[in-house]
Amino acid sequence: MAAFQIGPITFYRYGLVLAASALAGLLLMEWLGKKHALKPGTVSWFAVLAIPLAVLCGRIGYCLVSIDWLLDQGLSFFWQLTRGGYMLYGALLGGLLAGALTAKITRQPLGNILDAAAAPTALMIAACRMAEPLVNLGYGYDIEEWFDPFEEKSMVAWENPGILFRFPLGEQNYYGVWCFAVYLPEAITAFVIFLILMCLKKRRPGGKALLFLLLYAGCQPFWESMRQDAVLKWGFVRASQLFSGIAVLLVFLLCVRLLKKSQRAKALLLPGAVGLLLSSGLILAMEFALEQKISFLTWMRMDVCYAVMALGCIVLIFSVLPVWKKAFPPCG
């Protein structure tokens, strides 16, 4: 981990990026607070609560997924915060808890607070993704191996893909191997979500926060599958993909719950439910196909699997989007 020392204090470059992005996010949230009718002092309360809760919940999430490693290292490993890592969905849960506590303390709607925090969160994620090479993370498949005709991973056989051995397509990992720079499109995805949220017209409280969760969680199964370093798993199940599916389902159910009974027409909900089911099945099938666990899909090369998976993620998002629009119409 890239670090430097000033006196007795060690500074980690990735940690500094994390701190700077958090500060920028809170300043942006303060600026957006007027737009979302937040009371004075709301962002200060949120900051005081969100920073420790995001760290704590992110660490808990990481350790629960890596429970065998935790038990092997000893429970004291949990508090060694510069070792191991954190789970982003755990950190998001910490932010949600901080928002709920802030809403209770300041006596204002939770939706307004979460809406004000949505775009800053997307911006913070984009910044942290860009900094992942500082901790040797964010890399995908070995480029040379991907195109190797004998590996049969790609539809394109390319004996010398050296032209890709450069930023932004590729980057050398810790071992000096040229890999796909997955962290970059992940950062771009988060930044695009940030722009969408910043341009979004005012809607019912909570709408912007749920849209953030829908867009981020809807894209994440694809990018998480592309990652090949320090991926959190239960067996072969990638934790981030599982939580992404749960998050999209929760967005759908919350939107349905907010609809009036007269709005819950089969013509609206049935396509959404069917789309969710089919797209989730498609993404899951492609993940199994990549692992060569479905015999009749072994003919599919990895680039074909990822193309189908990307289509599944798009269908996943657009299955929920109409219900979200109905539940959160523009205000004014």
Protein backbone atom coordinates (compact mmCIF):
# COMPACT_ATOMS: atom_id res chain seq x y z
CA MET A 1 0.00 0.00 0.00
CA ALA A 2 1.50 3.34 -1.07
CA ALA A 3 2.29 5.36 2.05
CA PHE A 4 4.51 8.10 3.39
CA GLN A 5 5.41 9.16 6.89
CA ILE A 6 5.53 12.57 8.58
CA GLY A 7 7.08 12.21 12.00
CA PRO A 8 5.40 9.34 13.87
CA ILE A 9 2.27 9.43 11.66
CA THR A 10 1.92 7.23 8.57
CA PHE A 11 -0.31 8.53 5.78
CA TYR A 12 -1.77 6.14 3.22
CA ARG A 13 -2.40 7.69 -0.18
CA TYR A 14 -5.63 5.79 -0.73
CA GLY A 15 -6.84 6.87 2.71
CA LEU A 16 -6.09 10.48 1.85
CA VAL A 17 -8.10 10.17 -1.37
CA LEU A 18 -10.93 8.62 0.65
CA ALA A 19 -10.81 11.48 3.17
CA ALA A 20 -10.62 14.17 0.46
CA SER A 21 -13.54 12.65 -1.48
CA ALA A 22 -15.60 12.42 1.74
CA LEU A 23 -14.89 16.08 2.49
CA ALA A 24 -15.81 17.09 -1.07
CA GLY A 25 -18.98 15.02 -0.82
CA LEU A 26 -20.03 16.69 2.44
CA LEU A 27 -19.36 20.16 1.02
CA LEU A 28 -21.47 19.27 -2.02
CA MET A 29 -24.19 17.92 0.26
CA GLU A 30 -24.15 21.21 2.20
CA TRP A 31 -24.61 23.08 -1.08
CA LEU A 32 -27.43 20.76 -2.16
CA GLY A 33 -29.05 21.06 1.26
CA LYS A 34 -30.91 24.24 0.28
CA LYS A 35 -32.37 22.52 -2.78
CA HIS A 36 -33.63 19.66 -0.59
CA ALA A 37 -34.90 21.94 2.18
CA LEU A 38 -32.51 20.68 4.85
CA LYS A 39 -32.39 22.51 8.15
CA PRO A 40 -29.16 24.32 9.13
CA GLY A 41 -26.72 21.95 10.83
CA THR A 42 -28.16 18.83 9.18
CA VAL A 43 -25.03 18.03 7.18
CA SER A 44 -22.85 18.50 10.27
CA TRP A 45 -24.92 15.94 12.17
CA PHE A 46 -24.83 13.62 9.17
CA ALA A 47 -21.04 13.93 8.85
CA VAL A 48 -20.46 13.19 12.54
CA LEU A 49 -22.59 10.05 12.31
CA ALA A 50 -21.90 8.86 8.75
CA ILE A 51 -18.11 8.72 8.87
CA PRO A 52 -17.77 6.30 11.82
CA LEU A 53 -20.88 4.29 10.86
CA ALA A 54 -19.74 3.88 7.23
CA VAL A 55 -16.30 2.70 8.39
CA LEU A 56 -17.78 0.37 11.02
CA CYS A 57 -20.46 -1.17 8.77
CA GLY A 58 -18.06 -1.43 5.83
CA ARG A 59 -15.59 -3.28 8.04
CA ILE A 60 -18.30 -5.55 9.47
CA GLY A 61 -19.45 -6.43 5.95
CA TYR A 62 -15.90 -7.26 4.87
CA CYS A 63 -15.24 -9.43 7.92
CA LEU A 64 -18.55 -11.30 7.67
CA VAL A 65 -17.80 -12.27 4.08
CA SER A 66 -14.19 -13.11 5.04
CA ILE A 67 -15.16 -14.89 8.26
CA ASP A 68 -12.64 -17.73 7.81
CA TRP A 69 -9.82 -15.21 7.36
CA LEU A 70 -11.03 -13.26 10.41
CA LEU A 71 -11.06 -16.36 12.62
CA ASP A 72 -7.64 -17.38 11.34
CA GLN A 73 -6.15 -13.95 12.06
CA GLY A 74 -7.96 -13.50 15.38
CA LEU A 75 -10.78 -11.15 16.32
CA SER A 76 -8.31 -8.32 16.91
CA PHE A 77 -7.90 -8.21 13.11
CA PHE A 78 -11.26 -6.40 12.94
CA TRP A 79 -9.75 -3.31 14.55
CA GLN A 80 -6.59 -3.35 12.41
CA LEU A 81 -8.23 -0.94 9.98
CA THR A 82 -5.29 -0.66 7.60
CA ARG A 83 -5.29 -4.43 7.00
CA GLY A 84 -7.83 -6.23 4.86
CA GLY A 85 -10.57 -4.01 3.53
CA TYR A 86 -14.15 -2.82 3.58
CA MET A 87 -17.38 -3.64 1.80
CA LEU A 88 -19.00 -0.79 -0.10
CA TYR A 89 -22.55 -1.99 0.53
CA GLY A 90 -21.72 -2.10 4.23
CA ALA A 91 -20.54 1.51 4.04
CA LEU A 92 -23.75 2.48 2.22
CA LEU A 93 -25.74 0.81 5.00
CA GLY A 94 -23.77 2.89 7.50
CA GLY A 95 -24.71 6.01 5.55
CA LEU A 96 -28.37 4.97 5.63
CA LEU A 97 -28.24 4.49 9.41
CA ALA A 98 -26.57 7.89 9.77
CA GLY A 99 -29.32 9.44 7.67
CA ALA A 100 -32.02 7.83 9.81
CA LEU A 101 -30.39 9.05 13.04
CA THR A 102 -29.89 12.53 11.59
CA ALA A 103 -33.56 12.65 10.54
CA LYS A 104 -34.63 11.72 14.06
CA ILE A 105 -32.30 14.23 15.74
CA THR A 106 -33.15 17.13 13.42
CA ARG A 107 -36.83 16.14 13.04
CA GLN A 108 -37.10 16.19 9.28
CA PRO A 109 -37.90 13.65 6.53
CA LEU A 110 -35.30 10.93 5.93
CA GLY A 111 -35.94 11.15 2.18
CA ASN A 112 -34.70 14.74 1.98
CA ILE A 113 -31.45 13.86 3.75
CA LEU A 114 -30.78 10.79 1.61
CA ASP A 115 -31.60 12.72 -1.57
CA ALA A 116 -29.05 15.39 -0.65
CA ALA A 117 -26.46 12.66 0.00
CA ALA A 118 -27.11 10.64 -3.20
CA ALA A 119 -25.10 12.64 -5.75
CA PRO A 120 -22.17 13.26 -3.33
CA THR A 121 -22.05 9.50 -2.65
CA ALA A 122 -21.83 8.74 -6.37
CA LEU A 123 -19.04 11.31 -6.74
CA MET A 124 -17.15 9.84 -3.79
CA ILE A 125 -17.42 6.33 -5.26
CA ALA A 126 -16.05 7.61 -8.59
CA ALA A 127 -13.05 9.21 -6.88
CA CYS A 128 -12.31 6.11 -4.80
CA ARG A 129 -12.53 3.84 -7.83
CA MET A 130 -9.99 6.00 -9.64
CA ALA A 131 -7.61 5.67 -6.69
CA GLU A 132 -7.82 1.86 -6.48
CA PRO A 133 -4.46 1.26 -8.25
CA LEU A 134 -2.84 2.83 -5.16
CA VAL A 135 -3.83 -0.34 -3.28
CA ASN A 136 -3.32 -2.68 -6.25
CA LEU A 137 -7.04 -3.15 -6.88
CA GLY A 138 -9.43 -2.61 -9.77
CA TYR A 139 -7.84 -4.99 -12.28
CA GLY A 140 -9.56 -7.46 -14.56
CA TYR A 141 -8.38 -10.37 -16.66
CA ASP A 142 -4.86 -10.81 -17.99
CA ILE A 143 -5.10 -9.16 -21.44
CA GLU A 144 -2.63 -11.53 -23.11
CA GLU A 145 -4.40 -14.58 -21.70
CA TRP A 146 -7.82 -13.19 -22.69
CA PHE A 147 -6.88 -13.07 -26.39
CA ASP A 148 -4.65 -16.18 -26.39
CA PRO A 149 -6.06 -18.55 -29.11
CA PHE A 150 -5.21 -21.59 -26.98
CA GLU A 151 -7.10 -20.30 -23.93
CA GLU A 152 -10.37 -20.06 -25.92
CA LYS A 153 -11.65 -17.20 -23.78
CA SER A 154 -12.40 -14.68 -26.51
CA MET A 155 -14.07 -14.81 -29.91
CA VAL A 156 -11.08 -12.76 -31.09
CA ALA A 157 -7.78 -14.65 -31.39
CA TRP A 158 -4.91 -12.19 -31.02
CA GLU A 159 -1.40 -13.49 -30.55
CA ASN A 160 0.12 -10.08 -29.79
CA PRO A 161 -2.34 -7.67 -28.11
CA GLY A 162 0.53 -5.43 -26.99
CA ILE A 163 -1.25 -2.36 -28.33
CA LEU A 164 -3.63 -2.70 -25.36
CA PHE A 165 -0.76 -2.66 -22.85
CA ARG A 166 -1.34 0.97 -21.96
CA PHE A 167 -3.72 3.22 -20.07
CA PRO A 168 -6.73 3.52 -20.25
CA LEU A 169 -7.43 0.00 -21.56
CA GLY A 170 -4.82 -1.85 -19.55
CA GLU A 171 -2.61 -1.44 -16.53
CA GLN A 172 0.05 -3.51 -14.81
CA ASN A 173 -0.96 -5.17 -11.57
CA TYR A 174 1.22 -5.87 -8.54
CA TYR A 175 2.94 -8.75 -10.36
CA GLY A 176 3.68 -6.74 -13.48
CA VAL A 177 0.99 -8.46 -15.57
CA TRP A 178 -0.99 -6.28 -17.98
CA CYS A 179 -4.67 -6.54 -17.05
CA PHE A 180 -7.85 -4.75 -18.07
CA ALA A 181 -8.25 -1.56 -16.02
CA VAL A 182 -11.75 -2.32 -14.69
CA TYR A 183 -11.57 0.44 -12.07
CA LEU A 184 -11.71 3.12 -14.81
CA PRO A 185 -15.10 2.21 -16.38
CA GLU A 186 -16.42 1.64 -12.85
CA ALA A 187 -15.35 5.17 -11.94
CA ILE A 188 -16.90 6.54 -15.15
CA THR A 189 -20.14 4.69 -14.39
CA ALA A 190 -20.32 6.25 -10.92
CA PHE A 191 -19.54 9.69 -12.37
CA VAL A 192 -22.30 9.34 -14.98
CA ILE A 193 -24.72 8.43 -12.16
CA PHE A 194 -23.53 11.56 -10.35
CA LEU A 195 -24.30 13.71 -13.42
CA ILE A 196 -27.75 12.11 -13.81
CA LEU A 197 -28.59 12.83 -10.19
CA MET A 198 -27.34 16.42 -10.41
CA CYS A 199 -29.50 17.06 -13.49
CA LEU A 200 -32.58 15.31 -12.12
CA LYS A 201 -35.63 17.48 -11.57
CA LYS A 202 -37.03 17.71 -8.05
CA ARG A 203 -39.14 14.69 -7.15
CA ARG A 204 -40.91 13.19 -4.18
CA PRO A 205 -38.50 12.84 -1.19
CA GLY A 206 -36.42 9.68 -1.42
CA GLY A 207 -36.66 9.41 -5.19
CA LYS A 208 -33.12 10.56 -5.94
CA ALA A 209 -31.62 8.22 -3.32
CA LEU A 210 -33.52 5.21 -4.70
CA LEU A 211 -32.53 6.11 -8.26
CA PHE A 212 -28.89 6.18 -7.18
CA LEU A 213 -29.25 2.74 -5.62
CA LEU A 214 -31.05 1.36 -8.68
CA LEU A 215 -28.47 2.63 -11.17
CA TYR A 216 -25.44 1.68 -9.11
CA ALA A 217 -26.70 -1.76 -8.07
CA GLY A 218 -28.01 -2.44 -11.57
CA CYS A 219 -24.58 -1.90 -13.15
CA GLN A 220 -22.48 -3.53 -10.44
CA PRO A 221 -23.07 -7.24 -11.28
CA PHE A 222 -21.28 -6.71 -14.60
CA TRP A 223 -18.31 -4.75 -13.26
CA GLU A 224 -17.95 -7.02 -10.24
CA SER A 225 -17.78 -10.06 -12.51
CA MET A 226 -15.01 -8.40 -14.56
CA ARG A 227 -12.87 -7.90 -11.45
CA GLN A 228 -10.26 -10.56 -10.78
CA ASP A 229 -8.51 -9.24 -7.65
CA ALA A 230 -9.49 -9.42 -3.97
CA VAL A 231 -13.12 -10.20 -4.81
CA LEU A 232 -15.26 -10.94 -1.75
CA LYS A 233 -16.96 -14.32 -2.19
CA TRP A 234 -19.02 -16.96 -0.44
CA GLY A 235 -17.73 -20.00 -2.31
CA PHE A 236 -18.07 -18.92 -5.94
CA VAL A 237 -20.88 -16.42 -5.17
CA ARG A 238 -19.62 -12.85 -5.35
CA ALA A 239 -20.98 -10.91 -2.38
CA SER A 240 -21.31 -7.62 -4.25
CA GLN A 241 -23.38 -9.25 -7.00
CA LEU A 242 -25.69 -10.82 -4.42
CA PHE A 243 -26.19 -7.54 -2.55
CA SER A 244 -26.72 -5.71 -5.85
CA GLY A 245 -29.59 -8.04 -6.71
CA ILE A 246 -31.10 -7.57 -3.25
CA ALA A 247 -30.75 -3.78 -3.55
CA VAL A 248 -32.55 -3.65 -6.92
CA LEU A 249 -35.34 -5.85 -5.56
CA LEU A 250 -35.72 -3.58 -2.51
CA VAL A 251 -35.96 -0.51 -4.77
CA PHE A 252 -38.71 -2.21 -6.77
CA LEU A 253 -40.66 -3.25 -3.66
CA LEU A 254 -40.34 0.19 -2.03
CA CYS A 255 -41.57 1.88 -5.20
CA VAL A 256 -44.52 -0.51 -5.40
CA ARG A 257 -45.36 0.16 -1.75
CA LEU A 258 -45.41 3.91 -2.37
CA LEU A 259 -47.83 3.60 -5.27
CA LYS A 260 -51.50 4.15 -4.62
CA LYS A 261 -53.71 1.09 -5.08
CA SER A 262 -55.22 2.67 -8.16
CA GLN A 263 -51.73 2.97 -9.68
CA ARG A 264 -50.75 -0.66 -9.11
CA ALA A 265 -51.96 -1.83 -12.50
CA LYS A 266 -50.88 -5.17 -13.88
CA ALA A 267 -49.77 -3.35 -17.02
CA LEU A 268 -47.12 -1.55 -14.90
CA LEU A 269 -46.09 -4.08 -12.26
CA LEU A 270 -46.21 -7.31 -14.24
CA PRO A 271 -43.61 -6.26 -16.86
CA GLY A 272 -41.37 -4.99 -14.05
CA ALA A 273 -41.61 -8.21 -12.05
CA VAL A 274 -41.09 -10.39 -15.13
CA GLY A 275 -38.18 -8.23 -16.29
CA LEU A 276 -36.56 -8.47 -12.86
CA LEU A 277 -36.91 -12.24 -12.82
CA LEU A 278 -35.66 -12.79 -16.36
CA SER A 279 -32.74 -10.34 -16.17
CA SER A 280 -31.61 -11.72 -12.80
CA GLY A 281 -31.78 -15.25 -14.20
CA LEU A 282 -29.82 -14.18 -17.26
CA ILE A 283 -27.07 -12.54 -15.20
CA LEU A 284 -26.88 -15.57 -12.92
CA ALA A 285 -26.74 -17.95 -15.91
CA MET A 286 -23.87 -15.97 -17.44
CA GLU A 287 -21.96 -16.05 -14.17
CA PHE A 288 -22.37 -19.83 -14.10
CA ALA A 289 -21.34 -20.00 -17.76
CA LEU A 290 -18.15 -18.05 -17.00
CA GLU A 291 -17.39 -20.60 -14.28
CA GLN A 292 -18.07 -23.43 -16.78
CA LYS A 293 -20.79 -24.79 -14.47
CA ILE A 294 -23.52 -25.12 -17.13
CA SER A 295 -22.62 -27.85 -19.59
CA PHE A 296 -24.79 -26.67 -22.50
CA LEU A 297 -23.31 -23.16 -22.27
CA THR A 298 -19.65 -24.19 -22.36
CA TRP A 299 -19.52 -23.13 -26.03
CA MET A 300 -19.91 -19.49 -25.01
CA ARG A 301 -16.68 -17.53 -24.96
CA MET A 302 -16.19 -15.07 -22.13
CA ASP A 303 -16.72 -11.95 -24.23
CA VAL A 304 -20.09 -13.33 -25.39
CA CYS A 305 -21.03 -14.11 -21.77
CA TYR A 306 -20.18 -10.55 -20.74
CA ALA A 307 -22.12 -9.05 -23.65
CA VAL A 308 -25.20 -11.01 -22.56
CA MET A 309 -24.59 -10.08 -18.92
CA ALA A 310 -24.38 -6.38 -19.85
CA LEU A 311 -27.72 -6.73 -21.65
CA GLY A 312 -29.14 -8.39 -18.54
CA CYS A 313 -28.03 -5.44 -16.38
CA ILE A 314 -29.67 -2.97 -18.77
CA VAL A 315 -32.93 -4.95 -18.69
CA LEU A 316 -32.68 -5.11 -14.88
CA ILE A 317 -32.54 -1.32 -14.58
CA PHE A 318 -35.23 -0.61 -17.17
CA SER A 319 -37.56 -3.16 -15.57
CA VAL A 320 -37.68 -1.07 -12.37
CA LEU A 321 -37.37 2.41 -13.87
CA PRO A 322 -41.04 2.81 -14.98
CA VAL A 323 -42.25 1.86 -11.48
CA TRP A 324 -39.75 4.32 -9.95
CA LYS A 325 -41.00 7.10 -12.24
CA LYS A 326 -44.60 6.39 -11.23
CA ALA A 327 -43.74 6.32 -7.52
CA PHE A 328 -41.63 9.50 -7.69
CA PRO A 329 -43.24 11.94 -10.14
CA PRO A 330 -41.62 15.37 -10.68
CA CYS A 331 -42.67 18.04 -8.20
CA GLY A 332 -44.01 21.37 -9.32
